[in-house]
C-alpha cells in the first residue's frame, strides 16, 4: 500500500527523457527511477535527505532526484533530476 503518491512535474519528466538519450547505458535510467519512486511512495523523508527547507534529494545511481513533500495531500513531487 502506498503512503504517498509520486508525481513528476513536466520539467523533471522531460529532463529524465533527455538523460536517457545522453547516458552511455540508458538501461540504468528506468530501473533507478522505479526504485526511487517505490521508496518515495513509502517513506519520502527516510528515503532521502533534506537539502533546504522543503527541498529533498534521493540518490539512486545513476540518478539524483530532487523532490518536495506535501504531507497534507500525501504527495511527493519530483522537481528535478540529474546524473550522479
Protein backbone atom coordinates (compact mmCIF):
# COMPACT_ATOMS: atom_id res chain seq x y z
CA UNK A 1 0.00 0.00 0.00
CA UNK A 2 1.28 3.43 -0.97
CA UNK A 3 1.57 6.03 1.73
CA UNK A 4 2.27 8.82 -0.80
CA UNK A 5 1.53 9.47 -4.45
CA UNK A 6 4.63 10.36 -6.51
CA UNK A 7 4.25 12.90 -9.31
CA UNK A 8 6.96 14.08 -11.71
CA UNK A 9 6.49 17.66 -12.88
CA UNK A 10 6.88 18.32 -16.61
CA UNK A 11 10.42 19.70 -16.36
CA UNK A 12 11.64 16.70 -14.36
CA UNK A 13 9.97 14.25 -16.77
CA UNK A 14 11.48 15.97 -19.79
CA UNK A 15 14.90 16.05 -18.17
CA UNK A 16 14.66 12.33 -17.36
CA UNK A 17 13.93 11.59 -21.01
CA UNK A 18 16.90 13.72 -22.07
CA UNK A 19 19.20 11.89 -19.64
CA UNK A 20 18.01 8.62 -21.14
CA UNK A 21 19.24 9.79 -24.54
CA UNK A 22 22.57 11.13 -23.26
CA UNK A 23 23.79 8.44 -20.86
CA UNK A 24 26.16 5.68 -22.01
CA UNK A 25 23.95 2.91 -20.61
CA UNK A 26 20.33 4.07 -20.87
CA UNK A 27 19.07 0.78 -19.44
CA UNK A 28 20.12 2.03 -15.99
CA UNK A 29 17.75 5.02 -16.01
CA UNK A 30 14.32 3.39 -15.76
CA UNK A 31 15.23 0.86 -13.03
CA UNK A 32 16.75 3.67 -10.94
CA UNK A 33 13.63 5.78 -11.38
CA UNK A 34 11.43 2.83 -10.44
CA UNK A 35 13.44 2.12 -7.26
CA UNK A 36 13.35 5.78 -6.25
CA UNK A 37 9.61 6.08 -6.87
CA UNK A 38 8.91 2.98 -4.74
CA UNK A 39 10.98 4.40 -1.86
CA UNK A 40 9.29 7.79 -2.14
CA UNK A 41 5.84 6.20 -2.14
CA UNK A 42 6.53 4.53 1.17
CA UNK A 43 8.71 6.88 3.22
CA UNK A 44 9.90 10.02 1.43
CA UNK A 45 11.59 11.52 4.49
CA UNK A 46 13.58 8.37 5.25
CA UNK A 47 14.36 7.71 1.56
CA UNK A 48 16.31 10.91 1.04
CA UNK A 49 17.91 13.84 2.76
CA UNK A 50 16.68 17.39 3.21
CA UNK A 51 18.82 19.95 1.37
CA UNK A 52 16.94 23.04 2.49
CA UNK A 53 13.53 23.80 3.89
CA UNK A 54 11.13 21.81 1.73
CA UNK A 55 13.66 20.52 -0.82
CA UNK A 56 14.80 16.92 -0.59
CA UNK A 57 17.03 14.64 -2.63
CA UNK A 58 17.32 10.92 -3.11
CA UNK A 59 20.28 9.31 -4.83
CA UNK A 60 19.52 6.17 -6.78
CA UNK A 61 22.51 5.70 -9.11
CA UNK A 62 22.85 6.88 -11.76
CA UNK A 63 20.20 9.44 -10.76
CA UNK A 64 19.98 12.22 -8.21
CA UNK A 65 16.34 13.17 -7.80
CA UNK A 66 15.09 16.35 -6.13
CA UNK A 67 11.61 16.44 -4.63
CA UNK A 68 9.14 18.17 -2.35
CA UNK A 69 6.76 16.55 0.13
CA UNK A 70 3.18 17.68 0.73
CA UNK A 71 2.27 15.86 3.94
CA UNK A 72 -1.32 17.10 3.97
CA UNK A 73 -2.09 15.82 0.48
CA UNK A 74 0.27 12.82 0.78
CA UNK A 75 2.01 13.80 -2.48
CA UNK A 76 5.70 13.76 -3.37
CA UNK A 77 6.52 15.99 -6.34
CA UNK A 78 9.75 15.37 -8.22
CA UNK A 79 11.03 18.74 -9.40
CA UNK A 80 14.42 17.95 -10.95
CA UNK A 81 16.62 15.02 -11.89
CA UNK A 82 20.28 14.81 -12.86
CA UNK A 83 23.04 12.27 -13.16
CA UNK A 84 25.08 11.49 -10.04
